[in-house]
N, C-alpha and C. Protein backbone atom coordinates (compact mmCIF):
# COMPACT_ATOMS: atom_id res chain seq x y z
N MET A 1 10.79 37.99 46.99
CA MET A 1 9.71 38.03 46.01
C MET A 1 9.46 36.64 45.42
N TRP A 2 10.51 35.84 45.28
CA TRP A 2 10.34 34.51 44.68
C TRP A 2 9.45 33.63 45.56
N LEU A 3 9.54 33.79 46.88
CA LEU A 3 8.71 32.99 47.78
C LEU A 3 7.24 33.36 47.62
N ARG A 4 6.94 34.63 47.52
CA ARG A 4 5.56 35.07 47.36
C ARG A 4 5.00 34.61 46.00
N ARG A 5 5.82 34.62 44.97
CA ARG A 5 5.37 34.13 43.66
C ARG A 5 5.18 32.62 43.67
N THR A 6 6.03 31.92 44.40
CA THR A 6 5.88 30.47 44.51
C THR A 6 4.56 30.13 45.18
N PHE A 7 4.20 30.87 46.23
CA PHE A 7 2.92 30.64 46.88
C PHE A 7 1.75 30.94 45.94
N PHE A 8 1.90 31.94 45.10
CA PHE A 8 0.85 32.26 44.12
C PHE A 8 0.55 31.04 43.25
N HIS A 9 1.59 30.36 42.82
CA HIS A 9 1.41 29.18 41.96
C HIS A 9 1.06 27.93 42.77
N TRP A 10 1.45 27.89 44.03
CA TRP A 10 1.19 26.73 44.88
C TRP A 10 -0.28 26.63 45.29
N LEU A 11 -0.97 27.75 45.45
CA LEU A 11 -2.34 27.74 45.98
C LEU A 11 -3.29 26.82 45.22
N PRO A 12 -3.41 26.91 43.88
CA PRO A 12 -4.33 25.99 43.19
C PRO A 12 -3.86 24.53 43.26
N VAL A 13 -2.56 24.31 43.26
CA VAL A 13 -2.02 22.96 43.33
C VAL A 13 -2.33 22.35 44.70
N SER A 14 -2.23 23.16 45.74
CA SER A 14 -2.47 22.66 47.09
C SER A 14 -3.91 22.21 47.31
N ALA A 15 -4.83 22.71 46.49
CA ALA A 15 -6.23 22.27 46.61
C ALA A 15 -6.38 20.79 46.26
N VAL A 16 -5.43 20.24 45.52
CA VAL A 16 -5.44 18.82 45.18
C VAL A 16 -4.47 18.06 46.08
N VAL A 17 -3.29 18.63 46.33
CA VAL A 17 -2.24 17.93 47.07
C VAL A 17 -2.63 17.70 48.53
N LEU A 18 -3.17 18.71 49.20
CA LEU A 18 -3.50 18.55 50.63
C LEU A 18 -4.58 17.50 50.88
N PRO A 19 -5.70 17.50 50.13
CA PRO A 19 -6.67 16.41 50.35
C PRO A 19 -6.08 15.04 50.02
N LEU A 20 -5.25 14.98 48.99
CA LEU A 20 -4.60 13.72 48.64
C LEU A 20 -3.67 13.26 49.76
N TRP A 21 -2.99 14.21 50.40
CA TRP A 21 -2.12 13.88 51.53
C TRP A 21 -2.93 13.26 52.67
N LEU A 22 -4.13 13.76 52.92
CA LEU A 22 -4.95 13.20 53.99
C LEU A 22 -5.25 11.72 53.71
N LEU A 23 -5.54 11.40 52.46
CA LEU A 23 -5.80 10.01 52.09
C LEU A 23 -4.52 9.17 52.20
N ILE A 24 -3.42 9.70 51.69
CA ILE A 24 -2.15 8.97 51.76
C ILE A 24 -1.72 8.77 53.21
N GLY A 25 -1.91 9.81 54.03
CA GLY A 25 -1.58 9.68 55.44
C GLY A 25 -2.38 8.59 56.12
N TRP A 26 -3.65 8.46 55.76
CA TRP A 26 -4.47 7.39 56.33
C TRP A 26 -3.94 6.02 55.89
N ILE A 27 -3.56 5.90 54.62
CA ILE A 27 -3.06 4.62 54.10
C ILE A 27 -1.75 4.24 54.79
N VAL A 28 -0.83 5.20 54.89
CA VAL A 28 0.50 4.92 55.44
C VAL A 28 0.41 4.56 56.93
N THR A 29 -0.41 5.26 57.67
CA THR A 29 -0.47 5.03 59.12
C THR A 29 -1.47 3.95 59.50
N ASP A 30 -2.26 3.47 58.54
CA ASP A 30 -3.27 2.45 58.81
C ASP A 30 -4.13 2.87 60.01
N ALA A 31 -4.73 4.06 59.86
CA ALA A 31 -5.44 4.69 60.97
C ALA A 31 -6.74 4.00 61.35
N GLY A 32 -7.31 3.16 60.51
CA GLY A 32 -8.52 2.45 60.88
C GLY A 32 -9.72 2.87 60.05
N GLY A 33 -10.80 2.11 60.21
CA GLY A 33 -12.00 2.32 59.41
C GLY A 33 -12.73 3.61 59.70
N TRP A 34 -12.88 3.96 60.99
CA TRP A 34 -13.57 5.19 61.32
C TRP A 34 -12.79 6.41 60.83
N ALA A 35 -11.49 6.32 60.88
CA ALA A 35 -10.67 7.43 60.37
C ALA A 35 -10.84 7.58 58.87
N LEU A 36 -10.98 6.45 58.15
CA LEU A 36 -11.21 6.54 56.71
C LEU A 36 -12.54 7.23 56.42
N LEU A 37 -13.57 6.89 57.19
CA LEU A 37 -14.86 7.53 57.00
C LEU A 37 -14.73 9.04 57.24
N TRP A 38 -14.00 9.40 58.29
CA TRP A 38 -13.78 10.82 58.59
C TRP A 38 -13.03 11.50 57.45
N VAL A 39 -12.01 10.83 56.93
CA VAL A 39 -11.19 11.40 55.86
C VAL A 39 -12.02 11.58 54.60
N LEU A 40 -12.77 10.56 54.20
CA LEU A 40 -13.51 10.61 52.94
C LEU A 40 -14.71 11.56 52.99
N VAL A 41 -15.42 11.57 54.11
CA VAL A 41 -16.67 12.32 54.18
C VAL A 41 -16.46 13.76 54.63
N ILE A 42 -15.54 14.00 55.53
CA ILE A 42 -15.40 15.34 56.10
C ILE A 42 -14.11 16.03 55.68
N ALA A 43 -12.98 15.40 55.90
CA ALA A 43 -11.69 16.07 55.75
C ALA A 43 -11.37 16.44 54.31
N ILE A 44 -11.44 15.46 53.42
CA ILE A 44 -11.05 15.74 52.02
C ILE A 44 -11.95 16.81 51.39
N PRO A 45 -13.29 16.70 51.48
CA PRO A 45 -14.11 17.78 50.90
C PRO A 45 -13.89 19.13 51.57
N SER A 46 -13.70 19.13 52.90
CA SER A 46 -13.49 20.40 53.61
C SER A 46 -12.20 21.09 53.18
N VAL A 47 -11.13 20.33 53.09
CA VAL A 47 -9.85 20.92 52.70
C VAL A 47 -9.89 21.35 51.24
N LEU A 48 -10.48 20.54 50.38
CA LEU A 48 -10.57 20.88 48.95
C LEU A 48 -11.37 22.16 48.74
N ILE A 49 -12.57 22.21 49.28
CA ILE A 49 -13.43 23.39 49.10
C ILE A 49 -12.83 24.60 49.82
N GLY A 50 -12.32 24.39 51.03
CA GLY A 50 -11.72 25.50 51.77
C GLY A 50 -10.53 26.11 51.04
N GLN A 51 -9.67 25.25 50.50
CA GLN A 51 -8.50 25.76 49.78
C GLN A 51 -8.91 26.48 48.50
N LEU A 52 -9.92 25.97 47.79
CA LEU A 52 -10.39 26.65 46.59
C LEU A 52 -10.98 28.02 46.92
N VAL A 53 -11.76 28.11 47.99
CA VAL A 53 -12.33 29.39 48.41
C VAL A 53 -11.22 30.38 48.75
N LEU A 54 -10.23 29.92 49.52
CA LEU A 54 -9.12 30.81 49.88
C LEU A 54 -8.32 31.24 48.65
N THR A 55 -8.12 30.31 47.72
CA THR A 55 -7.39 30.65 46.50
C THR A 55 -8.13 31.72 45.72
N PHE A 56 -9.44 31.58 45.60
CA PHE A 56 -10.22 32.59 44.87
C PHE A 56 -10.22 33.93 45.60
N LEU A 57 -10.29 33.91 46.92
CA LEU A 57 -10.24 35.17 47.68
C LEU A 57 -8.91 35.89 47.48
N VAL A 58 -7.83 35.14 47.52
CA VAL A 58 -6.51 35.75 47.36
C VAL A 58 -6.33 36.25 45.93
N ARG A 59 -6.69 35.44 44.96
CA ARG A 59 -6.47 35.81 43.56
C ARG A 59 -7.47 36.86 43.07
N ALA A 60 -8.49 37.16 43.84
CA ALA A 60 -9.44 38.20 43.46
C ALA A 60 -8.87 39.60 43.69
N ARG A 61 -7.83 39.69 44.48
CA ARG A 61 -7.23 41.00 44.75
C ARG A 61 -6.44 41.48 43.53
N GLY A 62 -6.61 42.75 43.22
CA GLY A 62 -5.93 43.33 42.07
C GLY A 62 -4.43 43.30 42.17
N THR A 63 -3.89 43.55 43.36
CA THR A 63 -2.44 43.56 43.52
C THR A 63 -1.85 42.17 43.31
N VAL A 64 -2.59 41.15 43.71
CA VAL A 64 -2.11 39.78 43.53
C VAL A 64 -2.14 39.42 42.05
N ARG A 65 -3.21 39.76 41.37
CA ARG A 65 -3.29 39.47 39.93
C ARG A 65 -2.22 40.22 39.16
N HIS A 66 -1.97 41.46 39.53
CA HIS A 66 -0.99 42.28 38.80
C HIS A 66 0.44 41.79 39.03
N SER A 67 0.80 41.54 40.29
CA SER A 67 2.18 41.16 40.58
C SER A 67 2.40 39.65 40.52
N ARG A 68 1.32 38.87 40.45
CA ARG A 68 1.38 37.41 40.46
C ARG A 68 2.15 36.90 41.67
N SER A 69 1.95 37.60 42.80
CA SER A 69 2.55 37.17 44.07
C SER A 69 1.59 37.55 45.19
N VAL A 70 1.58 36.72 46.22
CA VAL A 70 0.70 36.96 47.36
C VAL A 70 1.39 37.86 48.37
N SER A 71 0.64 38.31 49.37
CA SER A 71 1.23 39.17 50.40
C SER A 71 1.98 38.32 51.42
N TRP A 72 2.76 38.99 52.26
CA TRP A 72 3.48 38.27 53.31
C TRP A 72 2.53 37.69 54.34
N TRP A 73 1.38 38.35 54.57
CA TRP A 73 0.36 37.80 55.46
C TRP A 73 -0.17 36.48 54.90
N ASP A 74 -0.35 36.43 53.59
CA ASP A 74 -0.81 35.19 52.96
C ASP A 74 0.23 34.08 53.12
N VAL A 75 1.48 34.42 52.91
CA VAL A 75 2.55 33.43 53.04
C VAL A 75 2.55 32.85 54.45
N ALA A 76 2.49 33.72 55.45
CA ALA A 76 2.51 33.26 56.84
C ALA A 76 1.28 32.41 57.15
N GLY A 77 0.11 32.90 56.77
CA GLY A 77 -1.12 32.18 57.08
C GLY A 77 -1.22 30.83 56.39
N PHE A 78 -0.92 30.79 55.10
CA PHE A 78 -1.00 29.53 54.37
C PHE A 78 0.06 28.55 54.85
N THR A 79 1.24 29.04 55.22
CA THR A 79 2.28 28.15 55.73
C THR A 79 1.80 27.45 57.00
N VAL A 80 1.26 28.22 57.93
CA VAL A 80 0.78 27.64 59.19
C VAL A 80 -0.36 26.67 58.92
N TRP A 81 -1.35 27.08 58.11
CA TRP A 81 -2.50 26.22 57.87
C TRP A 81 -2.09 24.94 57.13
N HIS A 82 -1.25 25.05 56.14
CA HIS A 82 -0.83 23.85 55.40
C HIS A 82 0.00 22.91 56.27
N LEU A 83 0.87 23.45 57.11
CA LEU A 83 1.65 22.59 58.01
C LEU A 83 0.73 21.88 59.01
N LEU A 84 -0.28 22.59 59.51
CA LEU A 84 -1.22 21.95 60.43
C LEU A 84 -2.06 20.88 59.72
N THR A 85 -2.42 21.13 58.47
CA THR A 85 -3.17 20.12 57.70
C THR A 85 -2.30 18.89 57.46
N ILE A 86 -1.05 19.11 57.16
CA ILE A 86 -0.12 17.98 56.98
C ILE A 86 0.03 17.21 58.29
N ALA A 87 0.10 17.93 59.41
CA ALA A 87 0.21 17.26 60.71
C ALA A 87 -1.04 16.45 61.02
N VAL A 88 -2.21 16.98 60.69
CA VAL A 88 -3.45 16.23 60.89
C VAL A 88 -3.43 14.97 60.03
N GLY A 89 -2.97 15.07 58.80
CA GLY A 89 -2.93 13.94 57.88
C GLY A 89 -1.90 12.89 58.24
N ALA A 90 -1.00 13.22 59.17
CA ALA A 90 -0.02 12.22 59.61
C ALA A 90 -0.63 11.24 60.61
N PHE A 91 -1.79 11.58 61.17
CA PHE A 91 -2.52 10.71 62.10
C PHE A 91 -1.62 10.21 63.23
N VAL A 92 -0.81 11.11 63.79
CA VAL A 92 0.05 10.74 64.91
C VAL A 92 -0.82 10.59 66.14
N GLU A 93 -0.76 9.41 66.73
CA GLU A 93 -1.61 9.12 67.87
C GLU A 93 -1.28 10.04 69.03
N GLY A 94 -2.29 10.59 69.64
CA GLY A 94 -2.11 11.52 70.74
C GLY A 94 -2.04 12.97 70.29
N TRP A 95 -1.53 13.21 69.10
CA TRP A 95 -1.40 14.57 68.58
C TRP A 95 -2.51 14.92 67.60
N PHE A 96 -3.20 13.93 67.07
CA PHE A 96 -4.24 14.18 66.07
C PHE A 96 -5.28 15.17 66.61
N TRP A 97 -5.78 14.91 67.83
CA TRP A 97 -6.83 15.77 68.38
C TRP A 97 -6.30 17.13 68.82
N ALA A 98 -5.02 17.29 68.92
CA ALA A 98 -4.45 18.61 69.20
C ALA A 98 -4.30 19.41 67.91
N PHE A 99 -3.91 18.71 66.83
CA PHE A 99 -3.69 19.40 65.55
C PHE A 99 -5.00 19.75 64.83
N LEU A 100 -6.03 18.92 64.99
CA LEU A 100 -7.29 19.16 64.26
C LEU A 100 -7.92 20.51 64.59
N PRO A 101 -8.16 20.85 65.87
CA PRO A 101 -8.74 22.18 66.13
C PRO A 101 -7.81 23.32 65.74
N LEU A 102 -6.50 23.10 65.86
CA LEU A 102 -5.56 24.14 65.44
C LEU A 102 -5.63 24.37 63.93
N ALA A 103 -5.81 23.29 63.17
CA ALA A 103 -5.94 23.42 61.71
C ALA A 103 -7.23 24.17 61.35
N ILE A 104 -8.29 23.90 62.07
CA ILE A 104 -9.56 24.60 61.81
C ILE A 104 -9.42 26.09 62.13
N VAL A 105 -8.81 26.40 63.26
CA VAL A 105 -8.58 27.80 63.63
C VAL A 105 -7.65 28.46 62.61
N GLY A 106 -6.64 27.72 62.15
CA GLY A 106 -5.73 28.25 61.13
C GLY A 106 -6.46 28.59 59.84
N PHE A 107 -7.37 27.71 59.41
CA PHE A 107 -8.16 28.00 58.22
C PHE A 107 -8.99 29.27 58.42
N LEU A 108 -9.67 29.37 59.55
CA LEU A 108 -10.52 30.54 59.81
C LEU A 108 -9.68 31.83 59.84
N ALA A 109 -8.48 31.76 60.38
CA ALA A 109 -7.60 32.93 60.42
C ALA A 109 -7.18 33.35 59.01
N VAL A 110 -6.84 32.38 58.17
CA VAL A 110 -6.44 32.69 56.79
C VAL A 110 -7.64 33.23 56.01
N PHE A 111 -8.82 32.66 56.25
CA PHE A 111 -10.04 33.15 55.58
C PHE A 111 -10.31 34.60 55.96
N TRP A 112 -10.25 34.89 57.26
CA TRP A 112 -10.50 36.26 57.73
C TRP A 112 -9.46 37.22 57.16
N SER A 113 -8.19 36.82 57.18
CA SER A 113 -7.13 37.68 56.67
C SER A 113 -7.29 37.94 55.17
N SER A 114 -7.63 36.91 54.42
CA SER A 114 -7.80 37.06 52.97
C SER A 114 -9.00 37.95 52.65
N LEU A 115 -10.08 37.76 53.38
CA LEU A 115 -11.27 38.58 53.17
C LEU A 115 -11.00 40.03 53.54
N ARG A 116 -10.31 40.25 54.64
CA ARG A 116 -9.96 41.61 55.07
C ARG A 116 -9.09 42.31 54.03
N GLN A 117 -8.10 41.61 53.51
CA GLN A 117 -7.22 42.21 52.50
C GLN A 117 -7.99 42.52 51.22
N LEU A 118 -8.90 41.62 50.84
CA LEU A 118 -9.70 41.86 49.63
C LEU A 118 -10.60 43.08 49.81
N LEU A 119 -11.27 43.18 50.94
CA LEU A 119 -12.15 44.33 51.18
C LEU A 119 -11.37 45.62 51.31
N GLN A 120 -10.18 45.54 51.89
CA GLN A 120 -9.33 46.73 52.02
C GLN A 120 -8.90 47.23 50.64
N GLU A 121 -8.58 46.33 49.74
CA GLU A 121 -8.20 46.75 48.39
C GLU A 121 -9.38 47.24 47.58
N ALA A 122 -10.56 46.71 47.86
CA ALA A 122 -11.74 47.08 47.09
C ALA A 122 -12.30 48.44 47.50
N ARG A 123 -11.93 48.92 48.68
CA ARG A 123 -12.41 50.21 49.16
C ARG A 123 -11.78 51.33 48.34
N PRO A 124 -12.59 52.28 47.89
CA PRO A 124 -12.00 53.39 47.12
C PRO A 124 -11.08 54.24 47.99
N SER A 125 -10.06 54.75 47.38
CA SER A 125 -9.09 55.56 48.12
C SER A 125 -9.68 56.94 48.43
N GLU A 126 -9.05 57.64 49.35
CA GLU A 126 -9.51 58.97 49.74
C GLU A 126 -9.42 59.95 48.57
N VAL A 127 -8.38 59.82 47.75
CA VAL A 127 -8.22 60.71 46.59
C VAL A 127 -9.38 60.50 45.62
N LEU A 128 -9.71 59.25 45.34
CA LEU A 128 -10.81 58.96 44.43
C LEU A 128 -12.12 59.48 44.98
N ARG A 129 -12.36 59.29 46.27
CA ARG A 129 -13.61 59.78 46.86
C ARG A 129 -13.69 61.30 46.82
N ARG A 130 -12.57 61.97 47.00
CA ARG A 130 -12.58 63.42 47.02
C ARG A 130 -12.94 63.99 45.65
N TYR A 131 -12.41 63.39 44.59
CA TYR A 131 -12.62 63.97 43.26
C TYR A 131 -13.84 63.42 42.54
N THR A 132 -14.45 62.38 43.06
CA THR A 132 -15.65 61.86 42.41
C THR A 132 -16.91 62.15 43.20
N ALA A 133 -16.79 62.70 44.39
CA ALA A 133 -17.97 63.02 45.20
C ALA A 133 -18.68 64.23 44.61
N PRO A 134 -20.01 64.24 44.67
CA PRO A 134 -20.73 65.42 44.18
C PRO A 134 -20.42 66.65 45.04
N ALA A 135 -20.42 67.79 44.39
CA ALA A 135 -20.08 69.02 45.09
C ALA A 135 -21.19 69.39 46.06
N ARG A 136 -20.80 69.93 47.20
CA ARG A 136 -21.77 70.38 48.20
C ARG A 136 -21.78 71.91 48.19
N GLY A 137 -22.85 72.47 47.73
CA GLY A 137 -22.97 73.93 47.71
C GLY A 137 -22.10 74.55 46.64
N SER A 138 -20.92 74.92 46.98
CA SER A 138 -20.02 75.56 46.02
C SER A 138 -18.88 74.62 45.68
N GLN A 139 -18.25 74.92 44.59
CA GLN A 139 -17.12 74.11 44.14
C GLN A 139 -15.89 74.40 44.99
N ALA A 140 -15.04 73.43 45.07
CA ALA A 140 -13.78 73.60 45.80
C ALA A 140 -12.91 74.59 45.04
N PRO A 141 -12.07 75.33 45.74
CA PRO A 141 -11.21 76.31 45.05
C PRO A 141 -10.27 75.60 44.07
N GLY A 142 -10.13 76.22 42.92
CA GLY A 142 -9.24 75.69 41.90
C GLY A 142 -9.89 74.65 41.00
N VAL A 143 -11.18 74.37 41.18
CA VAL A 143 -11.86 73.39 40.35
C VAL A 143 -12.65 74.13 39.29
N VAL A 144 -12.44 73.74 38.05
CA VAL A 144 -13.14 74.36 36.93
C VAL A 144 -14.23 73.39 36.47
N VAL A 145 -15.46 73.88 36.40
CA VAL A 145 -16.57 73.05 35.98
C VAL A 145 -17.00 73.53 34.60
N ILE A 146 -17.03 72.63 33.64
CA ILE A 146 -17.45 72.95 32.28
C ILE A 146 -18.79 72.27 32.05
N GLU A 147 -19.78 73.08 31.71
CA GLU A 147 -21.11 72.56 31.44
C GLU A 147 -21.40 72.68 29.96
N GLU A 148 -22.05 71.67 29.41
CA GLU A 148 -22.42 71.69 28.01
C GLU A 148 -23.89 72.04 27.91
N ARG A 149 -24.19 73.05 27.07
CA ARG A 149 -25.59 73.46 26.89
C ARG A 149 -25.91 73.41 25.40
N ARG A 150 -27.03 72.89 25.09
CA ARG A 150 -27.46 72.85 23.70
C ARG A 150 -28.26 74.09 23.38
N THR A 151 -27.99 74.67 22.24
CA THR A 151 -28.71 75.88 21.85
C THR A 151 -29.26 75.71 20.46
N GLY A 152 -30.44 76.24 20.27
CA GLY A 152 -31.03 76.37 18.96
C GLY A 152 -31.50 75.08 18.31
N GLU A 153 -31.87 74.10 19.00
CA GLU A 153 -32.38 72.90 18.32
C GLU A 153 -33.85 72.92 18.23
């Protein structure tokens, strides 16, 4: 449970740390001018906005807000995506172009998983649908219906 709670608190922080890592990785590896343009114009805004969107999707779920911990699917997905983002930011020659598409696919997988979990939680349960649906024809056995009628006004 501590790992899932740690990820709950890590998500907003990672929206700043991961884009900053891309810039630091460029500085440390001296990747060149075109790489800086790529980092400043595409990578940093994409990772920042993408991480914020994912954080909001995860934290929009009632179970996450209540328990202040993410699901195990979230832990797995964010771990893979963050590790791939860190690998992209390392600018390792020869591996950069292998890690970049994997990081993009990782983001899309986490986005899909987070959206699926949110929609699954937002769907009303079968019990709720059964007892809030309007009656068809006759009432179900064992259901008492009380009607209020005004008289004499």
